Amino acid sequence: MTHSFPDVADDLLTTIDAAMPALLALSAERARSPLAPGKWSAHQVIGHLVDSAANNHQRFVRASQAGALEFPPYVQDFWVEFQRHDARDWTEIVGFWHAYNRHLAHVMRQIPAHRFQAICKIGDATPVTLEFLVRDYVVHLKHHLGQIADG
């Protein structure tokens, strides 16, 4: 199913706005507890989603500018461990995640239709279109929010 980017942006906004109350209801202690043995905590997952927003922000803008993209891979475990998201205040990281995603929804609305099929190569992965990256970004975010809700 193909969505326009404004539809994807609307879906992103609805998703993050709906998630905020549940995220903020988690105590800092609970947010720092692993979701399962050997897994990230909710705090680390939200940090990972901030990293995802940062990486995809660059991808969306650069592919819109150039019409194609070659980007280094995102090494998620390094980013999460290096940045120590779990050392930040829980409400602060959640607020930052929410604000960054509101900005990404705005960015999604700016992508011109003639760039939807821009080819994006990230690391050694199979090239995909910018449209795929935009839509997959929201799928990925929802997946991780589901992990937190189920944890």
Foldseek 3Di string as FASTA:
>chain_A
DADQLLVLLVLLLVVLVVLVVVQVPDDLVQQCDALDVPHGGVQLLLVLLLVLLVVLVVVLVVCLVPLAEEEEADPRVCSSVVVVSSVDDSVVSSVSSSVSSNVVSVSSVVRDPVSQQRWYHYHPDDIGGNSCVSNVSSVVVVVSSVSNVSD
